[in-house]
């Protein structure tokens, strides 16, 4: 199924999504990779103010390229999500229960997604230029010293992603492998 969603994405919308569903997100998402996640978690653990409100924030694991003329951003393909796994518990406990990236996650991350009734979405790395065209506005939020890995607020329209881990604990990677093996036998 294909679902058009607007941020903030509510629990009722999350509950209707299952692995393999396609979502087209419009609204606000934030960029952050491992260096920014590390800094955020350090702030959380020391009870300091965060540079963004994490409640209901969708975090996209990306280090976008500079904007081209007449575009808000350049190529914006996902980075490997497992690098954010050490930080996801603290981030989810602050209310950011939806993330976007590529590749599989640790089993405990799947458990956390189910526990917090969240989602892990994947987007296509080879289509980074096309993804960049869904970004209509961007604003630097924190950590400019990190360059492309700084936290940025993106306004997107019909940002394409696939539900990879759903709020029920299902895993599209595992299901895909199982389905493939069944076809081979």
N, C-alpha and C. Protein backbone atom coordinates (compact mmCIF):
# COMPACT_ATOMS: atom_id res chain seq x y z
N UNK A 1 0.84 -1.18 0.00
CA UNK A 1 0.00 0.00 0.00
C UNK A 1 0.89 1.25 0.00
N UNK A 2 0.36 2.32 -0.51
CA UNK A 2 1.02 3.62 -0.49
C UNK A 2 0.21 4.55 0.39
N UNK A 3 0.91 5.20 1.35
CA UNK A 3 0.26 6.12 2.27
C UNK A 3 0.92 7.48 2.17
N UNK A 4 0.09 8.52 2.07
CA UNK A 4 0.58 9.89 2.16
C UNK A 4 0.46 10.31 3.61
N UNK A 5 1.57 10.74 4.20
CA UNK A 5 1.59 11.12 5.60
C UNK A 5 2.13 12.54 5.76
N UNK A 6 1.60 13.23 6.76
CA UNK A 6 2.06 14.57 7.09
C UNK A 6 2.59 14.56 8.51
N UNK A 7 3.71 15.25 8.72
CA UNK A 7 4.31 15.30 10.05
C UNK A 7 3.56 16.32 10.90
N UNK A 8 3.50 16.13 12.21
CA UNK A 8 4.00 14.95 12.92
C UNK A 8 3.11 13.74 12.65
N UNK A 9 3.73 12.59 12.49
CA UNK A 9 2.99 11.36 12.22
C UNK A 9 2.47 10.82 13.54
N UNK A 10 1.17 10.62 13.61
CA UNK A 10 0.49 10.21 14.83
C UNK A 10 0.49 8.68 14.99
N UNK A 11 0.26 8.26 16.22
CA UNK A 11 0.23 6.82 16.53
C UNK A 11 -0.76 6.05 15.70
N UNK A 12 -1.93 6.64 15.42
CA UNK A 12 -2.94 5.93 14.61
C UNK A 12 -2.42 5.69 13.20
N UNK A 13 -1.62 6.62 12.68
CA UNK A 13 -1.04 6.44 11.34
C UNK A 13 0.06 5.38 11.37
N UNK A 14 0.87 5.40 12.42
CA UNK A 14 1.92 4.40 12.57
C UNK A 14 1.31 3.01 12.66
N UNK A 15 0.22 2.87 13.42
CA UNK A 15 -0.41 1.57 13.64
C UNK A 15 -0.95 0.94 12.37
N UNK A 16 -1.32 1.75 11.37
CA UNK A 16 -1.86 1.18 10.14
C UNK A 16 -0.78 0.74 9.16
N UNK A 17 0.48 1.07 9.47
CA UNK A 17 1.57 0.74 8.55
C UNK A 17 2.19 -0.61 8.86
N UNK A 18 2.55 -1.33 7.81
CA UNK A 18 3.18 -2.64 7.93
C UNK A 18 4.39 -2.70 7.00
N UNK A 19 5.28 -3.63 7.30
CA UNK A 19 6.48 -3.76 6.46
C UNK A 19 6.09 -3.88 4.99
N UNK A 20 6.88 -3.23 4.16
CA UNK A 20 6.63 -3.24 2.72
C UNK A 20 5.75 -2.10 2.24
N UNK A 21 5.02 -1.45 3.15
CA UNK A 21 4.21 -0.30 2.75
C UNK A 21 5.12 0.84 2.31
N UNK A 22 4.65 1.61 1.39
CA UNK A 22 5.37 2.79 0.91
C UNK A 22 4.72 4.02 1.53
N UNK A 23 5.56 4.93 2.00
CA UNK A 23 5.05 6.18 2.55
C UNK A 23 5.63 7.36 1.77
N UNK A 24 4.81 8.36 1.59
CA UNK A 24 5.22 9.62 0.98
C UNK A 24 5.01 10.67 2.07
N UNK A 25 6.11 11.14 2.63
CA UNK A 25 6.06 12.04 3.79
C UNK A 25 6.15 13.48 3.33
N UNK A 26 5.27 14.30 3.86
CA UNK A 26 5.33 15.75 3.66
C UNK A 26 5.36 16.41 5.03
N UNK A 27 6.16 17.44 5.15
CA UNK A 27 6.29 18.14 6.42
C UNK A 27 7.75 18.25 6.82
N UNK A 28 8.00 18.16 8.12
CA UNK A 28 9.34 18.38 8.67
C UNK A 28 10.02 17.07 9.03
N UNK A 29 11.26 16.91 8.59
CA UNK A 29 12.14 15.85 9.08
C UNK A 29 13.48 16.50 9.40
N UNK A 30 14.26 15.84 10.24
CA UNK A 30 15.57 16.36 10.64
C UNK A 30 16.66 15.43 10.17
N UNK A 31 17.81 16.00 9.84
CA UNK A 31 18.97 15.19 9.46
C UNK A 31 19.89 15.05 10.67
N UNK A 32 20.47 13.89 10.83
CA UNK A 32 21.49 13.67 11.87
C UNK A 32 22.17 12.35 11.59
N UNK A 33 23.48 12.36 11.70
CA UNK A 33 24.26 11.13 11.58
C UNK A 33 24.93 10.86 12.91
N UNK A 34 25.88 9.94 12.93
CA UNK A 34 26.44 9.45 14.19
C UNK A 34 27.10 10.52 15.05
N UNK A 35 27.84 11.45 14.47
CA UNK A 35 28.50 12.48 15.28
C UNK A 35 27.46 13.37 15.98
N UNK A 36 26.41 13.74 15.26
CA UNK A 36 25.34 14.55 15.86
C UNK A 36 24.58 13.74 16.91
N UNK A 37 24.33 12.46 16.63
CA UNK A 37 23.66 11.61 17.62
C UNK A 37 24.47 11.53 18.91
N UNK A 38 25.77 11.39 18.77
CA UNK A 38 26.63 11.31 19.95
C UNK A 38 26.48 12.58 20.80
N UNK A 39 26.50 13.72 20.15
CA UNK A 39 26.36 14.98 20.88
C UNK A 39 24.98 15.10 21.53
N UNK A 40 23.94 14.70 20.81
CA UNK A 40 22.59 14.76 21.39
C UNK A 40 22.49 13.88 22.63
N UNK A 41 23.02 12.67 22.55
CA UNK A 41 22.95 11.76 23.69
C UNK A 41 23.77 12.29 24.87
N UNK A 42 24.89 12.91 24.59
CA UNK A 42 25.68 13.53 25.68
C UNK A 42 24.85 14.61 26.38
N UNK A 43 24.12 15.40 25.62
CA UNK A 43 23.25 16.43 26.21
C UNK A 43 22.12 15.80 27.02
N UNK A 44 21.52 14.74 26.47
CA UNK A 44 20.44 14.04 27.18
C UNK A 44 20.94 13.51 28.51
N UNK A 45 22.08 12.83 28.47
CA UNK A 45 22.62 12.21 29.69
C UNK A 45 23.05 13.23 30.75
N UNK A 46 23.37 14.44 30.32
CA UNK A 46 23.77 15.48 31.28
C UNK A 46 22.62 16.46 31.55
N UNK A 47 21.40 16.08 31.14
CA UNK A 47 20.20 16.88 31.38
C UNK A 47 20.32 18.32 30.89
N UNK A 48 20.96 18.49 29.73
CA UNK A 48 21.09 19.82 29.14
C UNK A 48 20.04 20.01 28.05
N UNK A 49 19.83 21.26 27.70
CA UNK A 49 18.85 21.58 26.67
C UNK A 49 19.31 21.06 25.31
N UNK A 50 18.37 20.51 24.56
CA UNK A 50 18.67 20.00 23.22
C UNK A 50 18.43 21.09 22.17
N UNK A 51 19.14 21.04 21.04
CA UNK A 51 18.97 22.06 20.01
C UNK A 51 17.69 21.90 19.19
N UNK A 52 16.96 20.81 19.42
CA UNK A 52 15.68 20.57 18.74
C UNK A 52 14.79 19.76 19.66
N UNK A 53 13.51 19.86 19.42
CA UNK A 53 12.54 19.07 20.18
C UNK A 53 12.48 17.69 19.53
N UNK A 54 12.83 16.65 20.28
CA UNK A 54 12.85 15.30 19.73
C UNK A 54 11.47 14.65 19.71
N UNK A 55 10.56 15.10 20.54
CA UNK A 55 9.23 14.50 20.55
C UNK A 55 8.61 14.61 19.16
N UNK A 56 8.25 13.47 18.62
CA UNK A 56 7.62 13.35 17.29
C UNK A 56 8.54 13.71 16.13
N UNK A 57 9.83 13.96 16.38
CA UNK A 57 10.75 14.28 15.29
C UNK A 57 11.12 13.02 14.52
N UNK A 58 11.12 13.13 13.22
CA UNK A 58 11.61 12.06 12.34
C UNK A 58 13.05 12.41 12.03
N UNK A 59 13.95 11.44 12.24
CA UNK A 59 15.36 11.70 11.96
C UNK A 59 15.80 10.87 10.75
N UNK A 60 16.34 11.58 9.79
CA UNK A 60 16.85 10.98 8.56
C UNK A 60 18.36 10.94 8.65
N UNK A 61 18.93 9.75 8.51
CA UNK A 61 20.36 9.54 8.60
C UNK A 61 20.98 9.86 7.24
N UNK A 62 21.42 11.11 7.09
CA UNK A 62 21.91 11.59 5.81
C UNK A 62 22.94 12.69 6.03
N UNK A 63 23.87 12.78 5.13
CA UNK A 63 24.81 13.90 5.06
C UNK A 63 24.67 14.47 3.67
N UNK A 64 23.73 15.38 3.46
CA UNK A 64 23.44 15.86 2.10
C UNK A 64 24.58 16.68 1.50
N UNK A 65 24.61 16.70 0.18
CA UNK A 65 25.59 17.52 -0.53
C UNK A 65 25.06 18.95 -0.60
N UNK A 66 25.93 19.91 -0.93
CA UNK A 66 25.48 21.31 -1.02
C UNK A 66 24.36 21.47 -2.05
N UNK A 67 23.55 22.48 -1.83
CA UNK A 67 22.44 22.77 -2.72
C UNK A 67 22.93 23.18 -4.10
N UNK A 68 22.19 22.80 -5.10
CA UNK A 68 22.44 23.25 -6.46
C UNK A 68 21.57 24.49 -6.70
N UNK A 69 21.84 25.25 -7.74
CA UNK A 69 21.01 26.44 -8.00
C UNK A 69 19.52 26.07 -8.07
N UNK A 70 18.70 26.89 -7.43
CA UNK A 70 17.24 26.72 -7.40
C UNK A 70 16.78 25.46 -6.67
N UNK A 71 17.63 24.88 -5.84
CA UNK A 71 17.24 23.72 -5.03
C UNK A 71 17.60 24.02 -3.58
N UNK A 72 16.83 23.42 -2.67
CA UNK A 72 17.07 23.60 -1.23
C UNK A 72 18.27 22.78 -0.76
N UNK A 73 18.58 21.72 -1.51
CA UNK A 73 19.59 20.77 -1.07
C UNK A 73 20.13 20.04 -2.30
N UNK A 74 21.30 19.45 -2.17
CA UNK A 74 21.83 18.62 -3.25
C UNK A 74 21.36 17.19 -3.08
N UNK A 75 22.19 16.24 -3.47
CA UNK A 75 21.85 14.83 -3.28
C UNK A 75 21.70 14.54 -1.80
N UNK A 76 20.75 13.69 -1.48
CA UNK A 76 20.43 13.43 -0.08
C UNK A 76 20.11 11.95 0.15
N UNK A 77 21.09 11.10 -0.17
CA UNK A 77 20.89 9.67 0.01
C UNK A 77 21.17 9.23 1.43
N UNK A 78 20.55 8.16 1.87
CA UNK A 78 20.69 7.69 3.25
C UNK A 78 22.07 7.11 3.54
N UNK A 79 22.44 7.15 4.81
CA UNK A 79 23.66 6.50 5.25
C UNK A 79 23.29 5.23 6.00
N UNK A 80 24.26 4.36 6.23
CA UNK A 80 24.02 3.09 6.92
C UNK A 80 23.55 3.34 8.35
N UNK A 81 22.38 2.84 8.67
CA UNK A 81 21.71 3.14 9.93
C UNK A 81 22.35 2.50 11.15
N UNK A 82 23.03 1.38 10.97
CA UNK A 82 23.59 0.69 12.13
C UNK A 82 24.53 1.58 12.94
N UNK A 83 25.09 2.62 12.30
CA UNK A 83 26.01 3.52 13.01
C UNK A 83 25.28 4.35 14.07
N UNK A 84 23.96 4.48 13.96
CA UNK A 84 23.19 5.23 14.95
C UNK A 84 22.62 4.32 16.04
N UNK A 85 22.76 3.01 15.88
CA UNK A 85 22.18 2.07 16.84
C UNK A 85 22.60 2.31 18.29
N UNK A 86 23.86 2.66 18.58
CA UNK A 86 24.23 2.88 19.99
C UNK A 86 23.48 4.04 20.66
N UNK A 87 22.90 4.92 19.86
CA UNK A 87 22.26 6.13 20.39
C UNK A 87 20.73 6.08 20.38
N UNK A 88 20.17 5.09 19.72
CA UNK A 88 18.74 5.10 19.43
C UNK A 88 17.88 5.00 20.69
N UNK A 89 18.32 4.30 21.71
CA UNK A 89 17.51 4.15 22.93
C UNK A 89 17.23 5.51 23.56
N UNK A 90 18.28 6.30 23.75
CA UNK A 90 18.12 7.62 24.36
C UNK A 90 17.27 8.55 23.49
N UNK A 91 17.48 8.48 22.20
CA UNK A 91 16.73 9.32 21.27
C UNK A 91 15.24 8.94 21.29
N UNK A 92 14.96 7.63 21.27
CA UNK A 92 13.56 7.19 21.29
C UNK A 92 12.88 7.53 22.61
N UNK A 93 13.62 7.45 23.69
CA UNK A 93 13.03 7.79 25.00
C UNK A 93 12.65 9.27 25.07
N UNK A 94 13.25 10.10 24.24
CA UNK A 94 12.89 11.51 24.17
C UNK A 94 11.75 11.76 23.16
N UNK A 95 11.26 10.69 22.53
CA UNK A 95 10.07 10.81 21.69
C UNK A 95 10.27 10.74 20.20
N UNK A 96 11.50 10.62 19.73
CA UNK A 96 11.74 10.46 18.30
C UNK A 96 11.71 8.97 17.97
N UNK A 97 10.55 8.50 17.50
CA UNK A 97 10.34 7.06 17.34
C UNK A 97 10.34 6.62 15.88
N UNK A 98 10.61 7.54 14.97
CA UNK A 98 10.68 7.21 13.54
C UNK A 98 12.03 7.66 13.01
N UNK A 99 12.72 6.73 12.35
CA UNK A 99 13.99 7.06 11.72
C UNK A 99 13.99 6.56 10.28
N UNK A 100 14.84 7.19 9.48
CA UNK A 100 14.96 6.84 8.06
C UNK A 100 16.43 6.63 7.75
N UNK A 101 16.75 5.55 7.05
CA UNK A 101 18.12 5.29 6.67
C UNK A 101 18.18 4.18 5.63
N UNK A 102 19.26 3.40 5.73
CA UNK A 102 19.36 2.22 4.85
C UNK A 102 20.04 1.12 5.64
N UNK A 103 19.71 -0.09 5.28
CA UNK A 103 20.35 -1.26 5.86
C UNK A 103 19.71 -1.73 7.16
N UNK A 104 20.10 -2.94 7.57
CA UNK A 104 19.51 -3.53 8.78
C UNK A 104 20.02 -2.86 10.06
N UNK A 105 19.27 -3.10 11.13
CA UNK A 105 19.58 -2.56 12.45
C UNK A 105 19.81 -3.73 13.41
N UNK A 106 20.38 -3.43 14.56
CA UNK A 106 20.59 -4.44 15.60
C UNK A 106 19.24 -4.93 16.12
N UNK A 107 19.22 -6.16 16.61
CA UNK A 107 17.98 -6.73 17.14
C UNK A 107 17.39 -5.87 18.26
N UNK A 108 18.23 -5.31 19.13
CA UNK A 108 17.68 -4.50 20.22
C UNK A 108 17.00 -3.24 19.67
N UNK A 109 17.42 -2.75 18.52
CA UNK A 109 16.76 -1.59 17.92
C UNK A 109 15.36 -2.00 17.46
N UNK A 110 15.24 -3.17 16.85
CA UNK A 110 13.92 -3.67 16.46
C UNK A 110 13.01 -3.76 17.68
N UNK A 111 13.56 -4.26 18.78
CA UNK A 111 12.78 -4.37 20.02
C UNK A 111 12.35 -3.00 20.52
N UNK A 112 13.24 -2.02 20.46
CA UNK A 112 12.91 -0.66 20.89
C UNK A 112 11.82 -0.05 20.01
N UNK A 113 11.90 -0.29 18.72
CA UNK A 113 10.88 0.23 17.80
C UNK A 113 9.53 -0.35 18.15
N UNK A 114 9.48 -1.64 18.43
CA UNK A 114 8.21 -2.28 18.82
C UNK A 114 7.75 -1.73 20.16
N UNK A 115 8.64 -1.62 21.13
CA UNK A 115 8.29 -1.12 22.46
C UNK A 115 7.72 0.30 22.41
N UNK A 116 8.32 1.16 21.60
CA UNK A 116 7.89 2.56 21.51
C UNK A 116 6.84 2.78 20.43
N UNK A 117 6.42 1.67 19.77
CA UNK A 117 5.42 1.74 18.69
C UNK A 117 5.86 2.74 17.61
N UNK A 118 7.10 2.56 17.18
CA UNK A 118 7.68 3.44 16.17
C UNK A 118 7.83 2.76 14.83
N UNK A 119 8.69 3.33 14.02
CA UNK A 119 8.96 2.81 12.67
C UNK A 119 10.42 3.03 12.31
N UNK A 120 10.93 2.13 11.49
CA UNK A 120 12.18 2.36 10.80
C UNK A 120 11.85 2.30 9.33
N UNK A 121 12.17 3.37 8.62
CA UNK A 121 11.90 3.48 7.20
C UNK A 121 13.21 3.45 6.44
N UNK A 122 13.18 2.85 5.26
CA UNK A 122 14.34 2.85 4.39
C UNK A 122 14.02 3.65 3.15
N UNK A 123 15.04 4.28 2.63
CA UNK A 123 14.90 4.97 1.36
C UNK A 123 16.06 4.53 0.47
N UNK A 124 15.99 4.85 -0.78
CA UNK A 124 16.88 4.26 -1.76
C UNK A 124 18.14 5.09 -1.92
N UNK A 125 19.29 4.49 -1.59
CA UNK A 125 20.57 5.19 -1.67
C UNK A 125 20.94 5.60 -3.07
N UNK A 126 20.64 4.80 -4.06
CA UNK A 126 21.01 5.10 -5.44
C UNK A 126 20.21 6.22 -6.05
N UNK A 127 19.18 6.66 -5.35
CA UNK A 127 18.32 7.72 -5.87
C UNK A 127 18.51 9.02 -5.11
N UNK A 128 19.73 9.27 -4.64
CA UNK A 128 20.00 10.42 -3.78
C UNK A 128 19.62 11.75 -4.43
N UNK A 129 19.85 11.88 -5.72
CA UNK A 129 19.50 13.14 -6.39
C UNK A 129 17.98 13.32 -6.43
N UNK A 130 17.26 12.23 -6.68
CA UNK A 130 15.79 12.31 -6.69
C UNK A 130 15.25 12.63 -5.30
N UNK A 131 15.84 12.03 -4.27
CA UNK A 131 15.41 12.32 -2.90
C UNK A 131 15.63 13.80 -2.60
N UNK A 132 16.76 14.33 -3.01
CA UNK A 132 17.05 15.74 -2.79
C UNK A 132 15.98 16.65 -3.37
N UNK A 133 15.34 16.24 -4.43
CA UNK A 133 14.32 17.07 -5.06
C UNK A 133 13.02 17.10 -4.26
N UNK A 134 12.85 16.20 -3.29
CA UNK A 134 11.66 16.24 -2.43
C UNK A 134 11.81 17.25 -1.31
N UNK A 135 13.03 17.76 -1.12
CA UNK A 135 13.30 18.75 -0.07
C UNK A 135 13.01 20.14 -0.64
N UNK A 136 12.07 20.83 -0.01
CA UNK A 136 11.69 22.14 -0.53
C UNK A 136 12.31 23.29 0.28
N UNK A 137 12.81 22.97 1.47
CA UNK A 137 13.44 24.00 2.30
C UNK A 137 14.34 23.31 3.31
N UNK A 138 15.45 23.97 3.67
CA UNK A 138 16.30 23.44 4.73
C UNK A 138 16.83 24.56 5.59
N UNK A 139 17.06 24.22 6.86
CA UNK A 139 17.54 25.20 7.83
C UNK A 139 18.53 24.51 8.76
N UNK A 140 19.67 25.12 8.95
CA UNK A 140 20.67 24.60 9.87
C UNK A 140 20.15 24.76 11.30
N UNK A 141 20.16 23.68 12.07
CA UNK A 141 19.66 23.70 13.44
C UNK A 141 20.80 23.66 14.46
N UNK A 142 21.79 22.79 14.24
CA UNK A 142 22.86 22.64 15.23
C UNK A 142 24.10 22.00 14.62
N UNK A 143 25.23 22.27 15.25
CA UNK A 143 26.53 21.66 14.96
C UNK A 143 27.05 21.96 13.56
N UNK A 144 27.14 23.24 13.20
CA UNK A 144 27.66 23.58 11.87
C UNK A 144 29.07 23.08 11.64
N UNK A 145 29.84 22.86 12.71
CA UNK A 145 31.19 22.35 12.57
C UNK A 145 31.22 20.93 11.98
N UNK A 146 30.08 20.25 11.98
CA UNK A 146 30.02 18.90 11.41
C UNK A 146 29.79 18.92 9.91
N UNK A 147 29.68 20.09 9.33
CA UNK A 147 29.50 20.19 7.88
C UNK A 147 28.23 19.50 7.42
N UNK A 148 28.35 18.59 6.47
CA UNK A 148 27.19 17.88 5.94
C UNK A 148 26.47 17.06 7.00
N UNK A 149 27.16 16.75 8.11
CA UNK A 149 26.54 15.95 9.16
C UNK A 149 25.87 16.80 10.25
N UNK A 150 25.82 18.11 10.05
CA UNK A 150 25.13 18.98 11.00
C UNK A 150 23.65 18.62 11.04
N UNK A 151 22.99 18.97 12.13
CA UNK A 151 21.54 18.75 12.20
C UNK A 151 20.87 19.85 11.40
N UNK A 152 20.02 19.41 10.47
CA UNK A 152 19.28 20.35 9.65
C UNK A 152 17.80 20.00 9.69
N UNK A 153 17.01 21.01 9.59
CA UNK A 153 15.55 20.84 9.51
C UNK A 153 15.19 20.90 8.03
N UNK A 154 14.55 19.85 7.56
CA UNK A 154 14.14 19.81 6.16
C UNK A 154 12.63 19.86 6.06
N UNK A 155 12.14 20.64 5.14
CA UNK A 155 10.73 20.60 4.77
C UNK A 155 10.66 19.79 3.48
N UNK A 156 9.89 18.71 3.53
CA UNK A 156 9.83 17.79 2.39
C UNK A 156 8.41 17.67 1.86
N UNK A 157 8.32 17.28 0.60
CA UNK A 157 7.03 17.01 -0.02
C UNK A 157 7.15 15.67 -0.74
N UNK A 158 6.34 14.73 -0.30
CA UNK A 158 6.30 13.38 -0.88
C UNK A 158 7.65 12.68 -0.85
N UNK A 159 8.31 12.77 0.29
CA UNK A 159 9.58 12.07 0.53
C UNK A 159 9.27 10.57 0.55
N UNK A 160 9.91 9.82 -0.33
CA UNK A 160 9.62 8.39 -0.54
C UNK A 160 10.41 7.51 0.42
N UNK A 161 9.69 6.62 1.11
CA UNK A 161 10.36 5.64 1.98
C UNK A 161 9.51 4.37 2.07
N UNK A 162 10.16 3.31 2.50
CA UNK A 162 9.51 2.01 2.65
C UNK A 162 9.56 1.61 4.12
N UNK A 163 8.45 1.11 4.63
CA UNK A 163 8.42 0.64 6.02
C UNK A 163 9.25 -0.64 6.09
N UNK A 164 10.34 -0.56 6.83
CA UNK A 164 11.28 -1.68 6.94
C UNK A 164 11.09 -2.45 8.24
N UNK A 165 10.92 -1.75 9.35
CA UNK A 165 10.54 -2.35 10.63
C UNK A 165 9.28 -1.63 11.08
N UNK A 166 8.24 -2.40 11.37
CA UNK A 166 7.00 -1.75 11.79
C UNK A 166 6.81 -1.82 13.30
N UNK A 167 5.75 -1.21 13.77
CA UNK A 167 5.50 -1.12 15.20
C UNK A 167 5.07 -2.45 15.81
N UNK A 168 4.90 -3.46 14.98
CA UNK A 168 4.51 -4.80 15.45
C UNK A 168 5.69 -5.75 15.58
N UNK A 169 6.89 -5.24 15.28
CA UNK A 169 8.09 -6.06 15.40
C UNK A 169 8.45 -6.81 14.13
N UNK A 170 7.75 -6.54 13.05
CA UNK A 170 8.04 -7.21 11.78
C UNK A 170 9.23 -6.54 11.09
N UNK A 171 9.97 -7.33 10.33
CA UNK A 171 11.23 -6.91 9.71
C UNK A 171 11.21 -7.27 8.23
N UNK A 172 11.22 -6.28 7.37
CA UNK A 172 11.16 -6.51 5.92
C UNK A 172 12.38 -7.27 5.41
N UNK A 173 13.57 -7.01 6.00
CA UNK A 173 14.77 -7.72 5.57
C UNK A 173 14.61 -9.22 5.83
N UNK A 174 14.22 -9.58 7.03
CA UNK A 174 14.04 -10.99 7.40
C UNK A 174 12.98 -11.65 6.53
N UNK A 175 11.85 -10.96 6.36
CA UNK A 175 10.76 -11.51 5.54
C UNK A 175 11.22 -11.70 4.11
N UNK A 176 11.96 -10.74 3.57
CA UNK A 176 12.45 -10.86 2.20
C UNK A 176 13.36 -12.06 2.01
N UNK A 177 14.24 -12.29 2.99
CA UNK A 177 15.14 -13.45 2.92
C UNK A 177 14.34 -14.75 3.01
N UNK A 178 13.37 -14.79 3.93
CA UNK A 178 12.54 -15.98 4.08
C UNK A 178 11.76 -16.27 2.80
N UNK A 179 11.17 -15.23 2.23
CA UNK A 179 10.41 -15.42 0.98
C UNK A 179 11.32 -15.92 -0.14
N UNK A 180 12.52 -15.36 -0.24
CA UNK A 180 13.47 -15.80 -1.25
C UNK A 180 13.83 -17.28 -1.08
N UNK A 181 14.10 -17.67 0.15
CA UNK A 181 14.46 -19.08 0.42
C UNK A 181 13.32 -20.02 0.10
N UNK A 182 12.09 -19.62 0.36
CA UNK A 182 10.93 -20.46 0.05
C UNK A 182 10.85 -20.68 -1.45
N UNK A 183 11.12 -19.63 -2.24
CA UNK A 183 11.06 -19.73 -3.68
C UNK A 183 12.17 -20.63 -4.23
N UNK A 184 13.28 -20.70 -3.51
CA UNK A 184 14.43 -21.51 -3.96
C UNK A 184 14.18 -23.01 -3.71
N UNK A 185 13.33 -23.32 -2.77
CA UNK A 185 13.06 -24.75 -2.43
C UNK A 185 11.99 -25.36 -3.24
